[in-house]
Protein backbone atom coordinates (compact mmCIF):
# COMPACT_ATOMS: atom_id res chain seq x y z
CA UNK A 1 201.14 28.09 54.43
CA UNK A 2 201.48 28.17 50.63
CA UNK A 3 199.44 25.01 50.34
CA UNK A 4 196.75 26.39 52.64
CA UNK A 5 196.36 29.50 50.47
CA UNK A 6 196.75 27.63 47.15
CA UNK A 7 200.02 29.35 46.30
CA UNK A 8 202.73 27.67 44.25
CA UNK A 9 204.87 26.02 46.94
CA UNK A 10 208.14 26.29 45.00
CA UNK A 11 207.61 30.03 44.44
CA UNK A 12 206.77 30.50 48.11
CA UNK A 13 209.95 28.66 49.09
CA UNK A 14 212.05 30.89 46.84
CA UNK A 15 210.32 34.00 48.20
CA UNK A 16 211.12 32.89 51.75
CA UNK A 17 214.77 32.36 50.91
CA UNK A 18 215.03 35.76 49.25
CA UNK A 19 213.25 37.41 52.18
CA UNK A 20 215.89 36.03 54.56
CA UNK A 21 218.86 36.81 52.27
CA UNK A 22 220.56 38.95 55.00
CA UNK A 23 219.14 37.14 58.04
CA UNK A 24 222.63 35.94 59.03
CA UNK A 25 223.96 39.49 59.55
CA UNK A 26 224.13 40.96 63.05
CA UNK A 27 222.46 44.25 64.01
CA UNK A 28 225.55 46.36 63.38
CA UNK A 29 226.08 44.81 59.93
CA UNK A 30 222.42 45.34 59.02
CA UNK A 31 222.53 48.99 60.06
CA UNK A 32 225.77 49.56 58.13
CA UNK A 33 224.32 47.88 55.06
CA UNK A 34 221.08 49.88 55.28
CA UNK A 35 223.08 53.10 55.39
CA UNK A 36 225.29 51.94 52.50
CA UNK A 37 222.18 51.11 50.44
CA UNK A 38 220.59 54.48 51.33
CA UNK A 39 217.58 52.82 52.96
CA UNK A 40 215.54 55.35 54.92
CA UNK A 41 215.74 54.43 58.60
CA UNK A 42 212.91 55.21 60.99
CA UNK A 43 213.61 56.54 64.45
CA UNK A 44 214.44 53.78 66.92
CA UNK A 45 215.31 51.13 64.33
CA UNK A 46 218.65 50.65 66.08
CA UNK A 47 216.75 48.77 68.79
CA UNK A 48 215.11 46.51 66.19
CA UNK A 49 217.80 46.29 63.50
CA UNK A 50 217.04 42.63 62.83
CA UNK A 51 213.88 43.81 61.07
CA UNK A 52 216.07 45.36 58.36
CA UNK A 53 217.11 41.96 56.98
CA UNK A 54 214.33 41.82 54.40
CA UNK A 55 215.03 45.33 53.11
CA UNK A 56 218.81 45.02 52.96
CA UNK A 57 218.52 41.55 51.48
CA UNK A 58 216.23 42.77 48.71
CA UNK A 59 218.65 45.53 47.73
CA UNK A 60 221.69 43.24 47.95
CA UNK A 61 220.01 40.60 45.81
CA UNK A 62 218.93 43.18 43.27
CA UNK A 63 222.44 44.61 43.04
CA UNK A 64 223.91 41.13 42.52
CA UNK A 65 221.31 40.39 39.86
CA UNK A 66 222.25 43.56 37.98
CA UNK A 67 225.87 42.42 37.56
């Protein structure tokens, strides 16, 4: 997709990896992490917790980068 839109492929690869930082967590872990990170949760997200992986991953990565 990066090539199709003339985007730097290496940067796109890194962005994809960062986006999926928390992809390996299960729904319960994602919800716990979102609450821990004070991420505002919309009504019904419990049924779609897997969608939180990009948000929780971004915060987790940022916190690790700050250390």
